[in-house]
Amino acid sequence: MLCVVYKSPKKAETYLFVERRDDFSRVPAPLLATFGTPQLVMLINLATKTRLALADLNKVTLSLRTQGYYLQLPPPPENLLKAHLAEQSVSSD
C-alpha cells in the first residue's frame, strides 16, 4: 500500500498520511483548516515497512483504509518538573 506524507506548516511535528498525492477529499475540512496547506514530505510503500518511526504501522494502514487518512501528532512534551518530583519522592523513601 502506497501512501503520501505531508507536514503541517502550522503545527510542528504534525504529519498527514493520505492514500494519493494531493487527494485530500476524505480529510475533514476542519482538520485541513487547522493543519494548514499540506507540504509534501515523502511517498512511502507501507507494504515494504515493518515499522514506522513515530507511528504504529498497523494503525496507519487501518486508518488509511477506513478513513482515507492518518494524522500523526507530535509526542506530548516531557514534564521535567513532574519527573524530578517523582525522582525526589523515590529518593526520600
N, C-alpha and C. Protein backbone atom coordinates (compact mmCIF):
# COMPACT_ATOMS: atom_id res chain seq x y z
N MET A 1 0.84 -1.18 0.00
CA MET A 1 0.00 0.00 0.00
C MET A 1 0.89 1.25 0.00
N LEU A 2 0.70 2.06 -1.00
CA LEU A 2 1.44 3.32 -1.07
C LEU A 2 0.67 4.41 -0.33
N CYS A 3 1.40 5.33 0.29
CA CYS A 3 0.78 6.49 0.90
C CYS A 3 1.71 7.68 0.76
N VAL A 4 1.14 8.85 0.95
CA VAL A 4 1.88 10.09 0.80
C VAL A 4 1.83 10.81 2.15
N VAL A 5 2.97 11.36 2.55
CA VAL A 5 3.07 12.02 3.84
C VAL A 5 3.30 13.52 3.62
N TYR A 6 2.51 14.31 4.34
CA TYR A 6 2.62 15.77 4.29
C TYR A 6 2.86 16.29 5.69
N LYS A 7 3.59 17.40 5.79
CA LYS A 7 3.79 18.03 7.09
C LYS A 7 2.95 19.30 7.16
N SER A 8 2.63 19.68 8.38
CA SER A 8 1.85 20.88 8.60
C SER A 8 2.76 22.10 8.73
N PRO A 9 2.42 23.19 8.05
CA PRO A 9 3.20 24.42 8.23
C PRO A 9 2.80 25.16 9.50
N LYS A 10 1.66 24.77 10.08
CA LYS A 10 1.13 25.45 11.27
C LYS A 10 1.46 24.74 12.58
N LYS A 11 1.55 23.43 12.53
CA LYS A 11 1.76 22.63 13.73
C LYS A 11 3.05 21.83 13.61
N ALA A 12 4.00 22.12 14.47
CA ALA A 12 5.29 21.43 14.43
C ALA A 12 5.11 19.93 14.67
N GLU A 13 5.88 19.15 13.95
CA GLU A 13 5.91 17.69 14.09
C GLU A 13 4.55 17.03 13.89
N THR A 14 3.71 17.64 13.05
CA THR A 14 2.39 17.09 12.75
C THR A 14 2.36 16.68 11.29
N TYR A 15 1.98 15.43 11.03
CA TYR A 15 2.03 14.88 9.68
C TYR A 15 0.69 14.26 9.31
N LEU A 16 0.35 14.36 8.03
CA LEU A 16 -0.87 13.80 7.50
C LEU A 16 -0.51 12.77 6.43
N PHE A 17 -1.00 11.56 6.61
CA PHE A 17 -0.78 10.47 5.65
C PHE A 17 -2.07 10.34 4.84
N VAL A 18 -1.97 10.31 3.52
CA VAL A 18 -3.14 10.09 2.66
C VAL A 18 -2.79 9.02 1.63
N GLU A 19 -3.82 8.51 0.99
CA GLU A 19 -3.63 7.40 0.05
C GLU A 19 -3.04 7.84 -1.29
N ARG A 20 -3.43 9.04 -1.77
CA ARG A 20 -2.96 9.50 -3.07
C ARG A 20 -2.43 10.92 -2.98
N ARG A 21 -1.43 11.20 -3.78
CA ARG A 21 -0.81 12.53 -3.78
C ARG A 21 -1.84 13.62 -4.09
N ASP A 22 -1.84 14.63 -3.23
CA ASP A 22 -2.72 15.80 -3.38
C ASP A 22 -4.21 15.48 -3.37
N ASP A 23 -4.59 14.32 -2.83
CA ASP A 23 -6.01 13.97 -2.72
C ASP A 23 -6.41 14.05 -1.24
N PHE A 24 -7.03 15.17 -0.89
CA PHE A 24 -7.46 15.40 0.49
C PHE A 24 -8.98 15.32 0.62
N SER A 25 -9.62 14.66 -0.34
CA SER A 25 -11.08 14.60 -0.39
C SER A 25 -11.69 13.88 0.81
N ARG A 26 -10.97 12.97 1.44
CA ARG A 26 -11.51 12.24 2.59
C ARG A 26 -11.07 12.84 3.93
N VAL A 27 -10.28 13.90 3.88
CA VAL A 27 -9.83 14.57 5.10
C VAL A 27 -10.87 15.63 5.47
N PRO A 28 -11.38 15.62 6.71
CA PRO A 28 -12.39 16.62 7.09
C PRO A 28 -11.87 18.05 6.93
N ALA A 29 -12.73 18.93 6.44
CA ALA A 29 -12.37 20.33 6.19
C ALA A 29 -11.83 21.03 7.44
N PRO A 30 -12.45 20.83 8.63
CA PRO A 30 -11.90 21.50 9.82
C PRO A 30 -10.47 21.04 10.15
N LEU A 31 -10.17 19.77 9.90
CA LEU A 31 -8.82 19.26 10.13
C LEU A 31 -7.84 19.93 9.17
N LEU A 32 -8.21 20.03 7.90
CA LEU A 32 -7.33 20.69 6.92
C LEU A 32 -7.11 22.16 7.25
N ALA A 33 -8.16 22.82 7.75
CA ALA A 33 -8.03 24.24 8.10
C ALA A 33 -7.04 24.41 9.25
N THR A 34 -7.10 23.53 10.23
CA THR A 34 -6.17 23.58 11.37
C THR A 34 -4.77 23.17 10.95
N PHE A 35 -4.68 22.20 10.06
CA PHE A 35 -3.41 21.65 9.59
C PHE A 35 -2.64 22.67 8.75
N GLY A 36 -3.36 23.44 7.95
CA GLY A 36 -2.72 24.38 7.04
C GLY A 36 -2.50 23.73 5.68
N THR A 37 -1.87 24.45 4.77
CA THR A 37 -1.59 23.92 3.44
C THR A 37 -0.54 22.81 3.55
N PRO A 38 -0.94 21.56 3.25
CA PRO A 38 -0.01 20.44 3.39
C PRO A 38 1.24 20.60 2.53
N GLN A 39 2.38 20.28 3.12
CA GLN A 39 3.66 20.34 2.42
C GLN A 39 4.18 18.92 2.25
N LEU A 40 4.38 18.52 1.00
CA LEU A 40 4.81 17.15 0.68
C LEU A 40 6.14 16.84 1.34
N VAL A 41 6.19 15.67 2.00
CA VAL A 41 7.43 15.22 2.64
C VAL A 41 7.97 14.00 1.90
N MET A 42 7.13 12.98 1.72
CA MET A 42 7.61 11.74 1.07
C MET A 42 6.48 10.83 0.67
N LEU A 43 6.80 9.87 -0.18
CA LEU A 43 5.92 8.76 -0.52
C LEU A 43 6.48 7.53 0.16
N ILE A 44 5.60 6.71 0.72
CA ILE A 44 6.03 5.50 1.43
C ILE A 44 5.24 4.30 0.91
N ASN A 45 5.94 3.20 0.70
CA ASN A 45 5.28 1.94 0.41
C ASN A 45 5.17 1.20 1.74
N LEU A 46 3.99 1.23 2.34
CA LEU A 46 3.79 0.61 3.65
C LEU A 46 3.95 -0.90 3.62
N ALA A 47 3.73 -1.50 2.45
CA ALA A 47 3.85 -2.95 2.33
C ALA A 47 5.28 -3.43 2.55
N THR A 48 6.26 -2.56 2.32
CA THR A 48 7.66 -2.96 2.48
C THR A 48 8.22 -2.59 3.86
N LYS A 49 7.41 -1.94 4.68
CA LYS A 49 7.86 -1.49 6.00
C LYS A 49 7.47 -2.50 7.08
N THR A 50 8.33 -2.61 8.08
CA THR A 50 7.99 -3.44 9.23
C THR A 50 7.58 -2.55 10.42
N ARG A 51 8.03 -1.28 10.37
CA ARG A 51 7.64 -0.32 11.40
C ARG A 51 7.87 1.09 10.88
N LEU A 52 7.25 2.04 11.56
CA LEU A 52 7.45 3.45 11.26
C LEU A 52 8.09 4.11 12.47
N ALA A 53 8.73 5.23 12.28
CA ALA A 53 9.48 5.87 13.36
C ALA A 53 8.60 6.26 14.55
N LEU A 54 7.54 7.01 14.31
CA LEU A 54 6.73 7.52 15.43
C LEU A 54 5.27 7.12 15.37
N ALA A 55 4.92 6.24 14.47
CA ALA A 55 3.52 5.82 14.36
C ALA A 55 3.46 4.30 14.27
N ASP A 56 2.34 3.76 14.71
CA ASP A 56 2.11 2.32 14.64
C ASP A 56 1.69 1.96 13.21
N LEU A 57 2.46 1.12 12.55
CA LEU A 57 2.23 0.76 11.16
C LEU A 57 0.82 0.21 10.95
N ASN A 58 0.35 -0.64 11.85
CA ASN A 58 -0.99 -1.22 11.71
C ASN A 58 -2.07 -0.16 11.83
N LYS A 59 -1.91 0.79 12.75
CA LYS A 59 -2.89 1.86 12.91
C LYS A 59 -2.92 2.76 11.68
N VAL A 60 -1.76 3.05 11.13
CA VAL A 60 -1.69 3.88 9.93
C VAL A 60 -2.41 3.19 8.78
N THR A 61 -2.10 1.93 8.56
CA THR A 61 -2.71 1.17 7.47
C THR A 61 -4.22 1.07 7.63
N LEU A 62 -4.67 0.74 8.83
CA LEU A 62 -6.11 0.62 9.10
C LEU A 62 -6.81 1.97 8.91
N SER A 63 -6.22 3.01 9.41
CA SER A 63 -6.81 4.34 9.28
C SER A 63 -6.90 4.78 7.82
N LEU A 64 -5.87 4.51 7.05
CA LEU A 64 -5.89 4.84 5.62
C LEU A 64 -7.01 4.09 4.90
N ARG A 65 -7.19 2.83 5.24
CA ARG A 65 -8.23 2.03 4.59
C ARG A 65 -9.64 2.46 4.99
N THR A 66 -9.83 2.78 6.26
CA THR A 66 -11.17 3.10 6.75
C THR A 66 -11.54 4.57 6.62
N GLN A 67 -10.60 5.47 6.92
CA GLN A 67 -10.89 6.90 6.90
C GLN A 67 -10.34 7.61 5.66
N GLY A 68 -9.28 7.03 5.09
CA GLY A 68 -8.65 7.67 3.95
C GLY A 68 -7.50 8.59 4.33
N TYR A 69 -7.21 8.68 5.64
CA TYR A 69 -6.10 9.50 6.11
C TYR A 69 -5.68 9.04 7.50
N TYR A 70 -4.48 9.45 7.89
CA TYR A 70 -3.99 9.22 9.25
C TYR A 70 -3.27 10.49 9.68
N LEU A 71 -3.58 10.98 10.87
CA LEU A 71 -2.96 12.18 11.40
C LEU A 71 -1.97 11.77 12.48
N GLN A 72 -0.70 12.12 12.28
CA GLN A 72 0.34 11.83 13.27
C GLN A 72 0.64 13.12 14.03
N LEU A 73 0.36 13.11 15.32
CA LEU A 73 0.61 14.26 16.18
C LEU A 73 1.95 14.11 16.87
N PRO A 74 2.54 15.22 17.29
CA PRO A 74 3.82 15.12 17.99
C PRO A 74 3.64 14.46 19.35
N PRO A 75 4.69 13.82 19.86
CA PRO A 75 4.59 13.25 21.19
C PRO A 75 4.37 14.37 22.20
N PRO A 76 3.69 14.06 23.32
CA PRO A 76 3.47 15.10 24.32
C PRO A 76 4.80 15.59 24.89
N PRO A 77 4.87 16.86 25.26
CA PRO A 77 6.13 17.35 25.82
C PRO A 77 6.43 16.67 27.15
N GLU A 78 7.69 16.44 27.38
CA GLU A 78 8.10 15.80 28.62
C GLU A 78 7.95 16.79 29.77
N ASN A 79 7.32 16.36 30.85
CA ASN A 79 7.15 17.22 32.01
C ASN A 79 8.33 16.97 32.95
N LEU A 80 9.35 17.82 32.83
CA LEU A 80 10.57 17.63 33.60
C LEU A 80 10.35 17.86 35.09
N LEU A 81 9.46 18.79 35.44
CA LEU A 81 9.17 19.04 36.85
C LEU A 81 8.53 17.82 37.48
N LYS A 82 7.58 17.23 36.81
CA LYS A 82 6.90 16.04 37.33
C LYS A 82 7.90 14.89 37.50
N ALA A 83 8.77 14.70 36.51
CA ALA A 83 9.79 13.65 36.59
C ALA A 83 10.74 13.90 37.75
N HIS A 84 11.14 15.15 37.93
CA HIS A 84 12.05 15.50 39.03
C HIS A 84 11.39 15.25 40.39
N LEU A 85 10.15 15.68 40.53
CA LEU A 85 9.44 15.48 41.81
C LEU A 85 9.24 14.00 42.10
N ALA A 86 8.94 13.23 41.07
CA ALA A 86 8.78 11.80 41.27
C ALA A 86 10.08 11.16 41.70
N GLU A 87 11.18 11.61 41.10
CA GLU A 87 12.51 11.10 41.46
C GLU A 87 12.85 11.47 42.89
N GLN A 88 12.52 12.69 43.29
CA GLN A 88 12.79 13.14 44.66
C GLN A 88 11.99 12.35 45.68
N SER A 89 10.75 12.04 45.33
CA SER A 89 9.90 11.30 46.26
C SER A 89 10.41 9.88 46.44
N VAL A 90 10.97 9.28 45.38
CA VAL A 90 11.55 7.93 45.48
C VAL A 90 12.82 7.98 46.30
N SER A 91 13.61 9.02 46.11
CA SER A 91 14.88 9.16 46.83
C SER A 91 14.69 9.35 48.33
N SER A 92 13.62 10.03 48.71
CA SER A 92 13.41 10.33 50.13
C SER A 92 12.76 9.17 50.87
N ASP A 93 12.29 8.15 50.17
CA ASP A 93 11.65 7.00 50.85
C ASP A 93 12.62 6.09 51.51
